[in-house]
Amino acid sequence: NYVGSVEGRFTISRDNAKSTVYLQMNSLQ
């Protein structure tokens, strides 16, 4: 789930095997 200000630009993913979450940030301003 994303807030409107970042939806479409930011993507959250996770790798449970690595106990890691990621935030991919595109079109940064």
PDB file of all heavy atoms in Angstrom:
ATOM      1  N   ASN A   1       0.860  -1.180   0.000  1.00  0.00           N
ATOM      2  CA  ASN A   1       0.000   0.000   0.000  1.00  0.00           C
ATOM      3  C   ASN A   1       0.893   1.225   0.000  1.00  0.00           C
ATOM      4  O   ASN A   1       1.932   1.240   0.656  1.00  0.00           O
ATOM      5  CB  ASN A   1      -0.918   0.018   1.221  1.00  0.00           C
ATOM      6  CG  ASN A   1      -2.025  -0.994   1.135  1.00  0.00           C
ATOM      7  OD1 ASN A   1      -2.998  -0.799   0.414  1.00  0.00           O
ATOM      8  ND2 ASN A   1      -1.889  -2.093   1.872  1.00  0.00           N
ATOM      9  N   TYR A   2       0.467   2.273  -0.724  1.00  0.00           N
ATOM     10  CA  TYR A   2       1.251   3.485  -0.852  1.00  0.00           C
ATOM     11  C   TYR A   2       0.374   4.704  -0.620  1.00  0.00           C
ATOM     12  O   TYR A   2      -0.826   4.687  -0.904  1.00  0.00           O
ATOM     13  CB  TYR A   2       1.867   3.603  -2.245  1.00  0.00           C
ATOM     14  CG  TYR A   2       2.728   2.444  -2.653  1.00  0.00           C
ATOM     15  CD1 TYR A   2       2.206   1.397  -3.394  1.00  0.00           C
ATOM     16  CD2 TYR A   2       4.072   2.404  -2.304  1.00  0.00           C
ATOM     17  CE1 TYR A   2       2.996   0.327  -3.782  1.00  0.00           C
ATOM     18  CE2 TYR A   2       4.871   1.335  -2.685  1.00  0.00           C
ATOM     19  CZ  TYR A   2       4.325   0.302  -3.422  1.00  0.00           C
ATOM     20  OH  TYR A   2       5.121  -0.751  -3.805  1.00  0.00           O
ATOM     21  N   VAL A   3       0.999   5.767  -0.146  1.00  0.00           N
ATOM     22  CA  VAL A   3       0.307   7.038  -0.092  1.00  0.00           C
ATOM     23  C   VAL A   3       0.350   7.661  -1.486  1.00  0.00           C
ATOM     24  O   VAL A   3       1.207   7.331  -2.313  1.00  0.00           O
ATOM     25  CB  VAL A   3       0.935   7.987   0.944  1.00  0.00           C
ATOM     26  CG1 VAL A   3       0.823   7.387   2.332  1.00  0.00           C
ATOM     27  CG2 VAL A   3       2.383   8.292   0.597  1.00  0.00           C
ATOM     28  N   GLY A   4      -0.580   8.574  -1.740  1.00  0.00           N
ATOM     29  CA  GLY A   4      -0.717   9.135  -3.071  1.00  0.00           C
ATOM     30  C   GLY A   4       0.481   9.911  -3.570  1.00  0.00           C
ATOM     31  O   GLY A   4       0.732   9.961  -4.781  1.00  0.00           O
ATOM     32  N   SER A   5       1.243  10.502  -2.673  1.00  0.00           N
ATOM     33  CA  SER A   5       2.360  11.334  -3.089  1.00  0.00           C
ATOM     34  C   SER A   5       3.491  10.553  -3.738  1.00  0.00           C
ATOM     35  O   SER A   5       4.304  11.131  -4.461  1.00  0.00           O
ATOM     36  CB  SER A   5       2.889  12.138  -1.895  1.00  0.00           C
ATOM     37  OG  SER A   5       3.352  11.279  -0.875  1.00  0.00           O
ATOM     38  N   VAL A   6       3.563   9.259  -3.493  1.00  0.00           N
ATOM     39  CA  VAL A   6       4.654   8.457  -4.038  1.00  0.00           C
ATOM     40  C   VAL A   6       4.167   7.318  -4.921  1.00  0.00           C
ATOM     41  O   VAL A   6       4.982   6.682  -5.602  1.00  0.00           O
ATOM     42  CB  VAL A   6       5.556   7.887  -2.927  1.00  0.00           C
ATOM     43  CG1 VAL A   6       6.107   9.013  -2.061  1.00  0.00           C
ATOM     44  CG2 VAL A   6       4.805   6.870  -2.077  1.00  0.00           C
ATOM     45  N   GLU A   7       2.892   7.057  -4.935  1.00  0.00           N
ATOM     46  CA  GLU A   7       2.365   5.956  -5.735  1.00  0.00           C
ATOM     47  C   GLU A   7       2.704   6.171  -7.208  1.00  0.00           C
ATOM     48  O   GLU A   7       2.497   7.243  -7.761  1.00  0.00           O
ATOM     49  CB  GLU A   7       0.859   5.832  -5.550  1.00  0.00           C
ATOM     50  CG  GLU A   7       0.267   4.582  -6.165  1.00  0.00           C
ATOM     51  CD  GLU A   7      -1.168   4.356  -5.758  1.00  0.00           C
ATOM     52  OE1 GLU A   7      -1.797   5.291  -5.229  1.00  0.00           O
ATOM     53  OE2 GLU A   7      -1.669   3.236  -5.961  1.00  0.00           O
ATOM     54  N   GLY A   8       3.230   5.132  -7.827  1.00  0.00           N
ATOM     55  CA  GLY A   8       3.646   5.214  -9.214  1.00  0.00           C
ATOM     56  C   GLY A   8       5.114   5.539  -9.388  1.00  0.00           C
ATOM     57  O   GLY A   8       5.669   5.284 -10.460  1.00  0.00           O
ATOM     58  N   ARG A   9       5.735   6.105  -8.378  1.00  0.00           N
ATOM     59  CA  ARG A   9       7.160   6.427  -8.423  1.00  0.00           C
ATOM     60  C   ARG A   9       7.993   5.523  -7.528  1.00  0.00           C
ATOM     61  O   ARG A   9       9.116   5.177  -7.878  1.00  0.00           O
ATOM     62  CB  ARG A   9       7.406   7.880  -8.016  1.00  0.00           C
ATOM     63  CG  ARG A   9       6.788   8.908  -8.939  1.00  0.00           C
ATOM     64  CD  ARG A   9       7.315  10.301  -8.621  1.00  0.00           C
ATOM     65  NE  ARG A   9       6.992  10.704  -7.249  1.00  0.00           N
ATOM     66  CZ  ARG A   9       7.890  11.128  -6.357  1.00  0.00           C
ATOM     67  NH1 ARG A   9       9.171  11.196  -6.685  1.00  0.00           N
ATOM     68  NH2 ARG A   9       7.503  11.489  -5.144  1.00  0.00           N
ATOM     69  N   PHE A  10       7.448   5.175  -6.375  1.00  0.00           N
ATOM     70  CA  PHE A  10       8.168   4.358  -5.399  1.00  0.00           C
ATOM     71  C   PHE A  10       7.573   2.958  -5.361  1.00  0.00           C
ATOM     72  O   PHE A  10       6.354   2.783  -5.482  1.00  0.00           O
ATOM     73  CB  PHE A  10       8.076   4.959  -3.999  1.00  0.00           C
ATOM     74  CG  PHE A  10       8.805   6.269  -3.812  1.00  0.00           C
ATOM     75  CD1 PHE A  10       9.399   6.929  -4.874  1.00  0.00           C
ATOM     76  CD2 PHE A  10       8.887   6.828  -2.550  1.00  0.00           C
ATOM     77  CE1 PHE A  10      10.065   8.129  -4.697  1.00  0.00           C
ATOM     78  CE2 PHE A  10       9.552   8.028  -2.349  1.00  0.00           C
ATOM     79  CZ  PHE A  10      10.140   8.680  -3.418  1.00  0.00           C
ATOM     80  N   THR A  11       8.425   1.974  -5.164  1.00  0.00           N
ATOM     81  CA  THR A  11       7.991   0.588  -5.079  1.00  0.00           C
ATOM     82  C   THR A  11       8.648  -0.083  -3.886  1.00  0.00           C
ATOM     83  O   THR A  11       9.866  -0.026  -3.733  1.00  0.00           O
ATOM     84  CB  THR A  11       8.341  -0.192  -6.357  1.00  0.00           C
ATOM     85  OG1 THR A  11       7.741   0.432  -7.493  1.00  0.00           O
ATOM     86  CG2 THR A  11       7.827  -1.625  -6.256  1.00  0.00           C
ATOM     87  N   ILE A  12       7.837  -0.710  -3.058  1.00  0.00           N
ATOM     88  CA  ILE A  12       8.335  -1.457  -1.908  1.00  0.00           C
ATOM     89  C   ILE A  12       8.316  -2.943  -2.236  1.00  0.00           C
ATOM     90  O   ILE A  12       7.334  -3.452  -2.782  1.00  0.00           O
ATOM     91  CB  ILE A  12       7.488  -1.181  -0.658  1.00  0.00           C
ATOM     92  CG1 ILE A  12       7.525   0.308  -0.303  1.00  0.00           C
ATOM     93  CG2 ILE A  12       7.960  -2.025   0.520  1.00  0.00           C
ATOM     94  CD1 ILE A  12       6.564   0.695   0.804  1.00  0.00           C
ATOM     95  N   SER A  13       9.382  -3.626  -1.890  1.00  0.00           N
ATOM     96  CA  SER A  13       9.445  -5.065  -2.048  1.00  0.00           C
ATOM     97  C   SER A  13      10.165  -5.660  -0.849  1.00  0.00           C
ATOM     98  O   SER A  13      10.776  -4.936  -0.053  1.00  0.00           O
ATOM     99  CB  SER A  13      10.148  -5.456  -3.352  1.00  0.00           C
ATOM    100  OG  SER A  13      11.472  -4.960  -3.386  1.00  0.00           O
ATOM    101  N   ARG A  14      10.075  -6.966  -0.697  1.00  0.00           N
ATOM    102  CA  ARG A  14      10.775  -7.607   0.411  1.00  0.00           C
ATOM    103  C   ARG A  14      11.248  -8.987   0.014  1.00  0.00           C
ATOM    104  O   ARG A  14      10.644  -9.652  -0.826  1.00  0.00           O
ATOM    105  CB  ARG A  14       9.904  -7.668   1.669  1.00  0.00           C
ATOM    106  CG  ARG A  14       8.693  -8.574   1.591  1.00  0.00           C
ATOM    107  CD  ARG A  14       7.766  -8.369   2.801  1.00  0.00           C
ATOM    108  NE  ARG A  14       8.351  -8.872   4.034  1.00  0.00           N
ATOM    109  CZ  ARG A  14       7.821  -8.684   5.248  1.00  0.00           C
ATOM    110  NH1 ARG A  14       6.709  -7.973   5.379  1.00  0.00           N
ATOM    111  NH2 ARG A  14       8.418  -9.196   6.320  1.00  0.00           N
ATOM    112  N   ASP A  15      12.328  -9.398   0.643  1.00  0.00           N
ATOM    113  CA  ASP A  15      12.901 -10.714   0.456  1.00  0.00           C
ATOM    114  C   ASP A  15      13.004 -11.330   1.845  1.00  0.00           C
ATOM    115  O   ASP A  15      13.927 -11.025   2.600  1.00  0.00           O
ATOM    116  CB  ASP A  15      14.265 -10.624  -0.210  1.00  0.00           C
ATOM    117  CG  ASP A  15      14.862 -11.982  -0.532  1.00  0.00           C
ATOM    118  OD1 ASP A  15      14.462 -12.983   0.085  1.00  0.00           O
ATOM    119  OD2 ASP A  15      15.737 -12.043  -1.413  1.00  0.00           O
ATOM    120  N   ASN A  16      12.048 -12.161   2.181  1.00  0.00           N
ATOM    121  CA  ASN A  16      12.009 -12.717   3.528  1.00  0.00           C
ATOM    122  C   ASN A  16      13.201 -13.627   3.820  1.00  0.00           C
ATOM    123  O   ASN A  16      13.637 -13.736   4.967  1.00  0.00           O
ATOM    124  CB  ASN A  16      10.703 -13.483   3.745  1.00  0.00           C
ATOM    125  CG  ASN A  16       9.501 -12.566   3.792  1.00  0.00           C
ATOM    126  OD1 ASN A  16       9.593 -11.417   4.233  1.00  0.00           O
ATOM    127  ND2 ASN A  16       8.356 -13.064   3.346  1.00  0.00           N
ATOM    128  N   ALA A  17      13.722 -14.282   2.796  1.00  0.00           N
ATOM    129  CA  ALA A  17      14.885 -15.139   2.991  1.00  0.00           C
ATOM    130  C   ALA A  17      16.099 -14.331   3.422  1.00  0.00           C
ATOM    131  O   ALA A  17      16.969 -14.842   4.132  1.00  0.00           O
ATOM    132  CB  ALA A  17      15.192 -15.917   1.725  1.00  0.00           C
ATOM    133  N   LYS A  18      16.170 -13.075   2.987  1.00  0.00           N
ATOM    134  CA  LYS A  18      17.266 -12.196   3.355  1.00  0.00           C
ATOM    135  C   LYS A  18      16.894 -11.227   4.468  1.00  0.00           C
ATOM    136  O   LYS A  18      17.716 -10.397   4.857  1.00  0.00           O
ATOM    137  CB  LYS A  18      17.738 -11.402   2.141  1.00  0.00           C
ATOM    138  CG  LYS A  18      18.313 -12.259   1.027  1.00  0.00           C
ATOM    139  CD  LYS A  18      18.776 -11.399  -0.138  1.00  0.00           C
ATOM    140  CE  LYS A  18      19.390 -12.242  -1.239  1.00  0.00           C
ATOM    141  NZ  LYS A  18      19.835 -11.408  -2.392  1.00  0.00           N
ATOM    142  N   SER A  19      15.668 -11.321   4.955  1.00  0.00           N
ATOM    143  CA  SER A  19      15.166 -10.425   5.995  1.00  0.00           C
ATOM    144  C   SER A  19      15.376  -8.968   5.602  1.00  0.00           C
ATOM    145  O   SER A  19      15.808  -8.139   6.416  1.00  0.00           O
ATOM    146  CB  SER A  19      15.839 -10.720   7.336  1.00  0.00           C
ATOM    147  OG  SER A  19      15.555 -12.037   7.766  1.00  0.00           O
ATOM    148  N   THR A  20      15.058  -8.659   4.356  1.00  0.00           N
ATOM    149  CA  THR A  20      15.334  -7.344   3.800  1.00  0.00           C
ATOM    150  C   THR A  20      14.117  -6.785   3.077  1.00  0.00           C
ATOM    151  O   THR A  20      13.427  -7.517   2.362  1.00  0.00           O
ATOM    152  CB  THR A  20      16.521  -7.401   2.829  1.00  0.00           C
ATOM    153  OG1 THR A  20      17.671  -7.911   3.511  1.00  0.00           O
ATOM    154  CG2 THR A  20      16.840  -6.026   2.276  1.00  0.00           C
ATOM    155  N   VAL A  21      13.875  -5.500   3.266  1.00  0.00           N
ATOM    156  CA  VAL A  21      12.882  -4.779   2.485  1.00  0.00           C
ATOM    157  C   VAL A  21      13.591  -3.708   1.681  1.00  0.00           C
ATOM    158  O   VAL A  21      14.647  -3.202   2.082  1.00  0.00           O
ATOM    159  CB  VAL A  21      11.772  -4.165   3.350  1.00  0.00           C
ATOM    160  CG1 VAL A  21      10.959  -5.256   4.032  1.00  0.00           C
ATOM    161  CG2 VAL A  21      12.359  -3.208   4.381  1.00  0.00           C
ATOM    162  N   TYR A  22      13.000  -3.347   0.558  1.00  0.00           N
ATOM    163  CA  TYR A  22      13.598  -2.394  -0.349  1.00  0.00           C
ATOM    164  C   TYR A  22      12.602  -1.284  -0.675  1.00  0.00           C
ATOM    165  O   TYR A  22      11.394  -1.488  -0.673  1.00  0.00           O
ATOM    166  CB  TYR A  22      14.018  -3.060  -1.658  1.00  0.00           C
ATOM    167  CG  TYR A  22      14.949  -4.229  -1.483  1.00  0.00           C
ATOM    168  CD1 TYR A  22      14.460  -5.526  -1.409  1.00  0.00           C
ATOM    169  CD2 TYR A  22      16.320  -4.037  -1.390  1.00  0.00           C
ATOM    170  CE1 TYR A  22      15.305  -6.601  -1.247  1.00  0.00           C
ATOM    171  CE2 TYR A  22      17.179  -5.103  -1.225  1.00  0.00           C
ATOM    172  CZ  TYR A  22      16.664  -6.390  -1.157  1.00  0.00           C
ATOM    173  OH  TYR A  22      17.515  -7.455  -0.995  1.00  0.00           O
ATOM    174  N   LEU A  23      13.150  -0.130  -0.974  1.00  0.00           N
ATOM    175  CA  LEU A  23      12.358   0.974  -1.484  1.00  0.00           C
ATOM    176  C   LEU A  23      13.027   1.471  -2.758  1.00  0.00           C
ATOM    177  O   LEU A  23      14.080   2.106  -2.703  1.00  0.00           O
ATOM    178  CB  LEU A  23      12.249   2.104  -0.460  1.00  0.00           C
ATOM    179  CG  LEU A  23      11.450   3.329  -0.911  1.00  0.00           C
ATOM    180  CD1 LEU A  23       9.987   2.956  -1.140  1.00  0.00           C
ATOM    181  CD2 LEU A  23      11.563   4.457   0.106  1.00  0.00           C
ATOM    182  N   GLN A  24      12.436   1.157  -3.894  1.00  0.00           N
ATOM    183  CA  GLN A  24      12.908   1.653  -5.176  1.00  0.00           C
ATOM    184  C   GLN A  24      12.271   3.002  -5.428  1.00  0.00           C
ATOM    185  O   GLN A  24      11.046   3.117  -5.458  1.00  0.00           O
ATOM    186  CB  GLN A  24      12.551   0.680  -6.296  1.00  0.00           C
ATOM    187  CG  GLN A  24      12.973   1.143  -7.681  1.00  0.00           C
ATOM    188  CD  GLN A  24      14.475   1.203  -7.837  1.00  0.00           C
ATOM    189  OE1 GLN A  24      15.172   0.266  -7.462  1.00  0.00           O
ATOM    190  NE2 GLN A  24      14.980   2.298  -8.386  1.00  0.00           N
ATOM    191  N   MET A  25      13.098   4.016  -5.615  1.00  0.00           N
ATOM    192  CA  MET A  25      12.637   5.383  -5.754  1.00  0.00           C
ATOM    193  C   MET A  25      13.020   5.891  -7.143  1.00  0.00           C
ATOM    194  O   MET A  25      14.205   6.006  -7.460  1.00  0.00           O
ATOM    195  CB  MET A  25      13.258   6.275  -4.683  1.00  0.00           C
ATOM    196  CG  MET A  25      13.100   5.716  -3.268  1.00  0.00           C
ATOM    197  SD  MET A  25      14.160   6.538  -2.049  1.00  0.00           S
ATOM    198  CE  MET A  25      13.455   8.180  -2.063  1.00  0.00           C
ATOM    199  N   ASN A  26      12.030   6.195  -7.947  1.00  0.00           N
ATOM    200  CA  ASN A  26      12.237   6.700  -9.296  1.00  0.00           C
ATOM    201  C   ASN A  26      11.679   8.107  -9.431  1.00  0.00           C
ATOM    202  O   ASN A  26      10.854   8.539  -8.630  1.00  0.00           O
ATOM    203  CB  ASN A  26      11.569   5.783 -10.324  1.00  0.00           C
ATOM    204  CG  ASN A  26      12.124   4.385 -10.321  1.00  0.00           C
ATOM    205  OD1 ASN A  26      13.312   4.167 -10.076  1.00  0.00           O
ATOM    206  ND2 ASN A  26      11.262   3.408 -10.609  1.00  0.00           N
ATOM    207  N   SER A  27      12.119   8.799 -10.462  1.00  0.00           N
ATOM    208  CA  SER A  27      11.654  10.156 -10.749  1.00  0.00           C
ATOM    209  C   SER A  27      11.743  11.051  -9.525  1.00  0.00           C
ATOM    210  O   SER A  27      10.812  11.790  -9.192  1.00  0.00           O
ATOM    211  CB  SER A  27      10.216  10.121 -11.284  1.00  0.00           C
ATOM    212  OG  SER A  27      10.131   9.350 -12.462  1.00  0.00           O
ATOM    213  N   LEU A  28      12.864  10.994  -8.859  1.00  0.00           N
ATOM    214  CA  LEU A  28      13.041  11.753  -7.624  1.00  0.00           C
ATOM    215  C   LEU A  28      13.031  13.257  -7.887  1.00  0.00           C
ATOM    216  O   LEU A  28      13.545  13.726  -8.906  1.00  0.00           O
ATOM    217  CB  LEU A  28      14.336  11.346  -6.945  1.00  0.00           C
ATOM    218  CG  LEU A  28      14.293   9.981  -6.257  1.00  0.00           C
ATOM    219  CD1 LEU A  28      15.702   9.486  -5.960  1.00  0.00           C
ATOM    220  CD2 LEU A  28      13.482  10.072  -4.967  1.00  0.00           C
ATOM    221  N   GLN A  29      12.461  13.979  -6.959  1.00  0.00           N
ATOM    222  CA  GLN A  29      12.361  15.426  -7.021  1.00  0.00           C
ATOM    223  C   GLN A  29      12.932  16.026  -5.751  1.00  0.00           C
ATOM    224  O   GLN A  29      13.044  15.342  -4.729  1.00  0.00           O
ATOM    225  CB  GLN A  29      10.905  15.848  -7.204  1.00  0.00           C
ATOM    226  CG  GLN A  29      10.257  15.330  -8.474  1.00  0.00           C
ATOM    227  CD  GLN A  29      10.957  15.817  -9.723  1.00  0.00           C
ATOM    228  OE1 GLN A  29      11.279  17.001  -9.852  1.00  0.00           O
ATOM    229  NE2 GLN A  29      11.214  14.913 -10.657  1.00  0.00           N
TER     230      GLN A  29
END
